[in-house]
């Protein structure tokens, strides 16, 4: 069950990061969830990119572990 939780958290990070990065690229003034973050466009875009990479890694790891653990009991 904990691997499925990691999978869901990874997918959420992936979606929120990708959506935020696309929003920021389309409109540089709309920072979305990272409006509070100082540093401007480049820092916000880098944070969204880190969220995408971390989300993809977590989702992939959670998916592999959930499949290995005999999830269909």
PDB file of N, CA and C in Angstrom:
ATOM      1  N   UNK A   1       0.817  -1.194   0.000  1.00  0.00           N
ATOM      2  CA  UNK A   1       0.000   0.000   0.000  1.00  0.00           C
ATOM      3  C   UNK A   1       0.868   1.269   0.000  1.00  0.00           C
ATOM      4  N   UNK A   2       2.026   1.220   0.697  1.00  0.00           N
ATOM      5  CA  UNK A   2       2.868   2.420   0.742  1.00  0.00           C
ATOM      6  C   UNK A   2       3.464   2.734  -0.631  1.00  0.00           C
ATOM      7  N   UNK A   3       3.668   1.716  -1.458  1.00  0.00           N
ATOM      8  CA  UNK A   3       4.215   1.954  -2.789  1.00  0.00           C
ATOM      9  C   UNK A   3       3.175   2.627  -3.683  1.00  0.00           C
ATOM     10  N   UNK A   4       1.924   2.298  -3.489  1.00  0.00           N
ATOM     11  CA  UNK A   4       0.859   2.953  -4.247  1.00  0.00           C
ATOM     12  C   UNK A   4       0.762   4.417  -3.823  1.00  0.00           C
ATOM     13  N   UNK A   5       0.954   4.691  -2.547  1.00  0.00           N
ATOM     14  CA  UNK A   5       0.949   6.069  -2.061  1.00  0.00           C
ATOM     15  C   UNK A   5       2.087   6.867  -2.695  1.00  0.00           C
ATOM     16  N   UNK A   6       3.264   6.276  -2.770  1.00  0.00           N
ATOM     17  CA  UNK A   6       4.407   6.936  -3.414  1.00  0.00           C
ATOM     18  C   UNK A   6       4.100   7.171  -4.894  1.00  0.00           C
ATOM     19  N   UNK A   7       3.465   6.213  -5.534  1.00  0.00           N
ATOM     20  CA  UNK A   7       3.076   6.350  -6.938  1.00  0.00           C
ATOM     21  C   UNK A   7       2.129   7.532  -7.128  1.00  0.00           C
ATOM     22  N   UNK A   8       1.131   7.640  -6.271  1.00  0.00           N
ATOM     23  CA  UNK A   8       0.158   8.733  -6.382  1.00  0.00           C
ATOM     24  C   UNK A   8       0.823  10.084  -6.125  1.00  0.00           C
ATOM     25  N   UNK A   9       1.675  10.163  -5.116  1.00  0.00           N
ATOM     26  CA  UNK A   9       2.385  11.424  -4.833  1.00  0.00           C
ATOM     27  C   UNK A   9       3.280  11.797  -6.009  1.00  0.00           C
ATOM     28  N   UNK A  10       3.947  10.821  -6.596  1.00  0.00           N
ATOM     29  CA  UNK A  10       4.785  11.080  -7.766  1.00  0.00           C
ATOM     30  C   UNK A  10       3.977  11.595  -8.942  1.00  0.00           C
ATOM     31  N   UNK A  11       2.809  10.999  -9.169  1.00  0.00           N
ATOM     32  CA  UNK A  11       1.968  11.459 -10.277  1.00  0.00           C
ATOM     33  C   UNK A  11       1.461  12.875 -10.032  1.00  0.00           C
ATOM     34  N   UNK A  12       1.120  13.185  -8.783  1.00  0.00           N
ATOM     35  CA  UNK A  12       0.683  14.550  -8.465  1.00  0.00           C
ATOM     36  C   UNK A  12       1.795  15.565  -8.699  1.00  0.00           C
ATOM     37  N   UNK A  13       3.004  15.242  -8.250  1.00  0.00           N
ATOM     38  CA  UNK A  13       4.143  16.133  -8.487  1.00  0.00           C
ATOM     39  C   UNK A  13       4.403  16.325  -9.979  1.00  0.00           C
ATOM     40  N   UNK A  14       4.310  15.239 -10.725  1.00  0.00           N
ATOM     41  CA  UNK A  14       4.529  15.301 -12.167  1.00  0.00           C
ATOM     42  C   UNK A  14       3.508  16.210 -12.836  1.00  0.00           C
ATOM     43  N   UNK A  15       2.254  16.026 -12.502  1.00  0.00           N
ATOM     44  CA  UNK A  15       1.192  16.826 -13.122  1.00  0.00           C
ATOM     45  C   UNK A  15       1.295  18.294 -12.721  1.00  0.00           C
ATOM     46  N   UNK A  16       1.478  18.557 -11.425  1.00  0.00           N
ATOM     47  CA  UNK A  16       1.565  19.947 -10.973  1.00  0.00           C
ATOM     48  C   UNK A  16       2.799  20.654 -11.533  1.00  0.00           C
ATOM     49  N   UNK A  17       3.907  19.947 -11.613  1.00  0.00           N
ATOM     50  CA  UNK A  17       5.116  20.544 -12.172  1.00  0.00           C
ATOM     51  C   UNK A  17       4.995  20.839 -13.651  1.00  0.00           C
ATOM     52  N   UNK A  18       4.436  19.894 -14.398  1.00  0.00           N
ATOM     53  CA  UNK A  18       4.275  20.101 -15.842  1.00  0.00           C
ATOM     54  C   UNK A  18       3.274  21.215 -16.130  1.00  0.00           C
ATOM     55  N   UNK A  19       2.166  21.202 -15.407  1.00  0.00           N
ATOM     56  CA  UNK A  19       1.148  22.238 -15.603  1.00  0.00           C
ATOM     57  C   UNK A  19       1.704  23.616 -15.251  1.00  0.00           C
ATOM     58  N   UNK A  20       2.448  23.701 -14.165  1.00  0.00           N
ATOM     59  CA  UNK A  20       3.028  24.986 -13.768  1.00  0.00           C
ATOM     60  C   UNK A  20       4.070  25.482 -14.749  1.00  0.00           C
ATOM     61  N   UNK A  21       4.886  24.572 -15.258  1.00  0.00           N
ATOM     62  CA  UNK A  21       5.914  24.973 -16.225  1.00  0.00           C
ATOM     63  C   UNK A  21       5.277  25.456 -17.522  1.00  0.00           C
ATOM     64  N   UNK A  22       4.263  24.764 -17.991  1.00  0.00           N
ATOM     65  CA  UNK A  22       3.582  25.184 -19.218  1.00  0.00           C
ATOM     66  C   UNK A  22       2.907  26.531 -19.013  1.00  0.00           C
ATOM     67  N   UNK A  23       2.266  26.704 -17.852  1.00  0.00           N
ATOM     68  CA  UNK A  23       1.615  27.986 -17.557  1.00  0.00           C
ATOM     69  C   UNK A  23       2.637  29.115 -17.537  1.00  0.00           C
ATOM     70  N   UNK A  24       3.788  28.861 -16.904  1.00  0.00           N
ATOM     71  CA  UNK A  24       4.819  29.886 -16.797  1.00  0.00           C
ATOM     72  C   UNK A  24       5.424  30.213 -18.158  1.00  0.00           C
ATOM     73  N   UNK A  25       5.603  29.205 -19.010  1.00  0.00           N
ATOM     74  CA  UNK A  25       6.144  29.455 -20.339  1.00  0.00           C
ATOM     75  C   UNK A  25       5.165  30.228 -21.218  1.00  0.00           C
ATOM     76  N   UNK A  26       3.876  29.966 -21.048  1.00  0.00           N
ATOM     77  CA  UNK A  26       2.869  30.659 -21.852  1.00  0.00           C
ATOM     78  C   UNK A  26       2.688  32.107 -21.404  1.00  0.00           C
ATOM     79  N   UNK A  27       2.758  32.347 -20.097  1.00  0.00           N
ATOM     80  CA  UNK A  27       2.576  33.687 -19.554  1.00  0.00           C
ATOM     81  C   UNK A  27       3.590  33.875 -18.431  1.00  0.00           C
ATOM     82  N   UNK A  28       4.657  34.602 -18.705  1.00  0.00           N
ATOM     83  CA  UNK A  28       5.757  34.753 -17.743  1.00  0.00           C
ATOM     84  C   UNK A  28       5.329  35.388 -16.428  1.00  0.00           C
ATOM     85  N   UNK A  29       4.226  36.099 -16.428  1.00  0.00           N
ATOM     86  CA  UNK A  29       3.760  36.762 -15.210  1.00  0.00           C
ATOM     87  C   UNK A  29       2.916  35.869 -14.324  1.00  0.00           C
ATOM     88  N   UNK A  30       2.452  34.737 -14.818  1.00  0.00           N
ATOM     89  CA  UNK A  30       1.576  33.850 -14.059  1.00  0.00           C
ATOM     90  C   UNK A  30       2.387  32.688 -13.504  1.00  0.00           C
ATOM     91  N   UNK A  31       2.820  32.794 -12.254  1.00  0.00           N
ATOM     92  CA  UNK A  31       3.704  31.794 -11.659  1.00  0.00           C
ATOM     93  C   UNK A  31       2.948  30.644 -11.009  1.00  0.00           C
ATOM     94  N   UNK A  32       1.646  30.742 -10.920  1.00  0.00           N
ATOM     95  CA  UNK A  32       0.861  29.648 -10.350  1.00  0.00           C
ATOM     96  C   UNK A  32       1.160  29.446  -8.872  1.00  0.00           C
ATOM     97  N   UNK A  33       1.456  28.208  -8.478  1.00  0.00           N
ATOM     98  CA  UNK A  33       1.699  27.887  -7.075  1.00  0.00           C
ATOM     99  C   UNK A  33       2.977  28.504  -6.528  1.00  0.00           C
ATOM    100  N   UNK A  34       3.892  28.864  -7.390  1.00  0.00           N
ATOM    101  CA  UNK A  34       5.176  29.394  -6.934  1.00  0.00           C
ATOM    102  C   UNK A  34       5.247  30.919  -6.981  1.00  0.00           C
ATOM    103  N   UNK A  35       4.116  31.576  -6.866  1.00  0.00           N
ATOM    104  CA  UNK A  35       4.090  33.041  -6.874  1.00  0.00           C
ATOM    105  C   UNK A  35       4.911  33.608  -5.721  1.00  0.00           C
ATOM    106  N   UNK A  36       4.918  32.931  -4.592  1.00  0.00           N
ATOM    107  CA  UNK A  36       5.614  33.394  -3.397  1.00  0.00           C
ATOM    108  C   UNK A  36       7.128  33.282  -3.512  1.00  0.00           C
ATOM    109  N   UNK A  37       7.615  32.512  -4.459  1.00  0.00           N
ATOM    110  CA  UNK A  37       9.049  32.226  -4.559  1.00  0.00           C
ATOM    111  C   UNK A  37       9.808  33.405  -5.181  1.00  0.00           C
ATOM    112  N   UNK A  38      10.808  33.940  -4.474  1.00  0.00           N
ATOM    113  CA  UNK A  38      11.598  35.026  -5.063  1.00  0.00           C
ATOM    114  C   UNK A  38      12.574  34.472  -6.099  1.00  0.00           C
ATOM    115  N   UNK A  39      13.018  35.327  -6.986  1.00  0.00           N
ATOM    116  CA  UNK A  39      14.043  34.923  -7.936  1.00  0.00           C
ATOM    117  C   UNK A  39      13.625  35.051  -9.380  1.00  0.00           C
ATOM    118  N   UNK A  40      12.357  35.226  -9.632  1.00  0.00           N
ATOM    119  CA  UNK A  40      11.912  35.459 -10.991  1.00  0.00           C
ATOM    120  C   UNK A  40      11.653  34.208 -11.805  1.00  0.00           C
ATOM    121  N   UNK A  41      11.589  34.439 -13.100  1.00  0.00           N
ATOM    122  CA  UNK A  41      11.183  33.420 -14.069  1.00  0.00           C
ATOM    123  C   UNK A  41      12.068  32.179 -14.049  1.00  0.00           C
ATOM    124  N   UNK A  42      13.370  32.363 -14.100  1.00  0.00           N
ATOM    125  CA  UNK A  42      14.296  31.222 -14.207  1.00  0.00           C
ATOM    126  C   UNK A  42      14.220  30.315 -12.983  1.00  0.00           C
ATOM    127  N   UNK A  43      14.143  30.897 -11.807  1.00  0.00           N
ATOM    128  CA  UNK A  43      14.090  30.109 -10.574  1.00  0.00           C
ATOM    129  C   UNK A  43      12.783  29.332 -10.505  1.00  0.00           C
ATOM    130  N   UNK A  44      11.689  29.981 -10.851  1.00  0.00           N
ATOM    131  CA  UNK A  44      10.385  29.306 -10.823  1.00  0.00           C
ATOM    132  C   UNK A  44      10.329  28.176 -11.840  1.00  0.00           C
ATOM    133  N   UNK A  45      10.852  28.417 -13.030  1.00  0.00           N
ATOM    134  CA  UNK A  45      10.862  27.378 -14.056  1.00  0.00           C
ATOM    135  C   UNK A  45      11.738  26.197 -13.625  1.00  0.00           C
ATOM    136  N   UNK A  46      12.858  26.479 -12.991  1.00  0.00           N
ATOM    137  CA  UNK A  46      13.728  25.411 -12.502  1.00  0.00           C
ATOM    138  C   UNK A  46      13.030  24.595 -11.417  1.00  0.00           C
ATOM    139  N   UNK A  47      12.298  25.243 -10.542  1.00  0.00           N
ATOM    140  CA  UNK A  47      11.559  24.519  -9.496  1.00  0.00           C
ATOM    141  C   UNK A  47      10.486  23.628 -10.094  1.00  0.00           C
ATOM    142  N   UNK A  48       9.780  24.129 -11.100  1.00  0.00           N
ATOM    143  CA  UNK A  48       8.776  23.293 -11.770  1.00  0.00           C
ATOM    144  C   UNK A  48       9.445  22.109 -12.473  1.00  0.00           C
ATOM    145  N   UNK A  49      10.606  22.334 -13.067  1.00  0.00           N
ATOM    146  CA  UNK A  49      11.322  21.246 -13.739  1.00  0.00           C
ATOM    147  C   UNK A  49      11.780  20.194 -12.724  1.00  0.00           C
ATOM    148  N   UNK A  50      12.244  20.630 -11.567  1.00  0.00           N
ATOM    149  CA  UNK A  50      12.642  19.689 -10.513  1.00  0.00           C
ATOM    150  C   UNK A  50      11.436  18.882 -10.049  1.00  0.00           C
ATOM    151  N   UNK A  51      10.280  19.525  -9.938  1.00  0.00           N
ATOM    152  CA  UNK A  51       9.063  18.816  -9.539  1.00  0.00           C
ATOM    153  C   UNK A  51       8.680  17.764 -10.574  1.00  0.00           C
ATOM    154  N   UNK A  52       8.838  18.081 -11.855  1.00  0.00           N
ATOM    155  CA  UNK A  52       8.532  17.118 -12.917  1.00  0.00           C
ATOM    156  C   UNK A  52       9.464  15.917 -12.844  1.00  0.00           C
ATOM    157  N   UNK A  53      10.747  16.167 -12.713  1.00  0.00           N
ATOM    158  CA  UNK A  53      11.723  15.068 -12.664  1.00  0.00           C
ATOM    159  C   UNK A  53      11.521  14.224 -11.406  1.00  0.00           C
ATOM    160  N   UNK A  54      11.324  14.866 -10.264  1.00  0.00           N
ATOM    161  CA  UNK A  54      11.113  14.125  -9.013  1.00  0.00           C
ATOM    162  C   UNK A  54       9.811  13.332  -9.074  1.00  0.00           C
ATOM    163  N   UNK A  55       8.772  13.923  -9.643  1.00  0.00           N
ATOM    164  CA  UNK A  55       7.496  13.224  -9.765  1.00  0.00           C
ATOM    165  C   UNK A  55       7.598  12.014 -10.672  1.00  0.00           C
ATOM    166  N   UNK A  56       8.287  12.163 -11.783  1.00  0.00           N
ATOM    167  CA  UNK A  56       8.449  11.029 -12.699  1.00  0.00           C
ATOM    168  C   UNK A  56       9.267   9.917 -12.045  1.00  0.00           C
ATOM    169  N   UNK A  57      10.305  10.295 -11.307  1.00  0.00           N
ATOM    170  CA  UNK A  57      11.124   9.286 -10.634  1.00  0.00           C
ATOM    171  C   UNK A  57      10.333   8.564  -9.541  1.00  0.00           C
ATOM    172  N   UNK A  58       9.597   9.310  -8.732  1.00  0.00           N
ATOM    173  CA  UNK A  58       8.794   8.690  -7.680  1.00  0.00           C
ATOM    174  C   UNK A  58       7.703   7.795  -8.257  1.00  0.00           C
ATOM    175  N   UNK A  59       7.027   8.265  -9.290  1.00  0.00           N
ATOM    176  CA  UNK A  59       5.959   7.472  -9.902  1.00  0.00           C
ATOM    177  C   UNK A  59       6.514   6.191 -10.514  1.00  0.00           C
ATOM    178  N   UNK A  60       7.643   6.284 -11.169  1.00  0.00           N
ATOM    179  CA  UNK A  60       8.260   5.097 -11.754  1.00  0.00           C
ATOM    180  C   UNK A  60       8.700   4.106 -10.697  1.00  0.00           C
ATOM    181  N   UNK A  61       9.321   4.597  -9.635  1.00  0.00           N
ATOM    182  CA  UNK A  61       9.775   3.724  -8.559  1.00  0.00           C
ATOM    183  C   UNK A  61       8.579   3.066  -7.857  1.00  0.00           C
ATOM    184  N   UNK A  62       7.555   3.863  -7.548  1.00  0.00           N
ATOM    185  CA  UNK A  62       6.376   3.321  -6.879  1.00  0.00           C
ATOM    186  C   UNK A  62       5.654   2.300  -7.733  1.00  0.00           C
ATOM    187  N   UNK A  63       5.611   2.530  -9.029  1.00  0.00           N
ATOM    188  CA  UNK A  63       4.959   1.590  -9.943  1.00  0.00           C
ATOM    189  C   UNK A  63       5.703   0.265  -9.984  1.00  0.00           C
ATOM    190  N   UNK A  64       7.015   0.317 -10.090  1.00  0.00           N
ATOM    191  CA  UNK A  64       7.812  -0.921 -10.115  1.00  0.00           C
ATOM    192  C   UNK A  64       7.674  -1.701  -8.812  1.00  0.00           C
ATOM    193  N   UNK A  65       7.742  -1.010  -7.690  1.00  0.00           N
ATOM    194  CA  UNK A  65       7.650  -1.670  -6.404  1.00  0.00           C
ATOM    195  C   UNK A  65       6.250  -2.250  -6.159  1.00  0.00           C
ATOM    196  N   UNK A  66       5.216  -1.547  -6.598  1.00  0.00           N
ATOM    197  CA  UNK A  66       3.848  -2.047  -6.426  1.00  0.00           C
ATOM    198  C   UNK A  66       3.635  -3.308  -7.258  1.00  0.00           C
ATOM    199  N   UNK A  67       4.203  -3.346  -8.454  1.00  0.00           N
ATOM    200  CA  UNK A  67       4.074  -4.542  -9.294  1.00  0.00           C
ATOM    201  C   UNK A  67       4.855  -5.715  -8.720  1.00  0.00           C
ATOM    202  N   UNK A  68       6.024  -5.464  -8.165  1.00  0.00           N
ATOM    203  CA  UNK A  68       6.864  -6.527  -7.604  1.00  0.00           C
ATOM    204  C   UNK A  68       6.265  -7.103  -6.323  1.00  0.00           C
ATOM    205  N   UNK A  69       5.543  -6.295  -5.595  1.00  0.00           N
ATOM    206  CA  UNK A  69       5.037  -6.711  -4.298  1.00  0.00           C
ATOM    207  C   UNK A  69       3.799  -7.585  -4.335  1.00  0.00           C
ATOM    208  N   UNK A  70       3.384  -8.085  -5.496  1.00  0.00           N
ATOM    209  CA  UNK A  70       2.191  -8.913  -5.568  1.00  0.00           C
ATOM    210  C   UNK A  70       0.942  -8.122  -5.256  1.00  0.00           C
ATOM    211  N   UNK A  71       0.793  -7.012  -5.936  1.00  0.00           N
ATOM    212  CA  UNK A  71      -0.300  -6.076  -5.667  1.00  0.00           C
ATOM    213  C   UNK A  71      -1.685  -6.698  -5.861  1.00  0.00           C
ATOM    214  N   UNK A  72      -1.818  -7.709  -6.682  1.00  0.00           N
ATOM    215  CA  UNK A  72      -3.121  -8.284  -6.984  1.00  0.00           C
ATOM    216  C   UNK A  72      -3.496  -9.441  -6.066  1.00  0.00           C
ATOM    217  N   UNK A  73      -3.364  -9.287  -4.762  1.00  0.00           N
ATOM    218  CA  UNK A  73      -3.664 -10.362  -3.812  1.00  0.00           C
ATOM    219  C   UNK A  73      -5.133 -10.603  -3.665  1.00  0.00           C
TER     220      UNK A  73
END
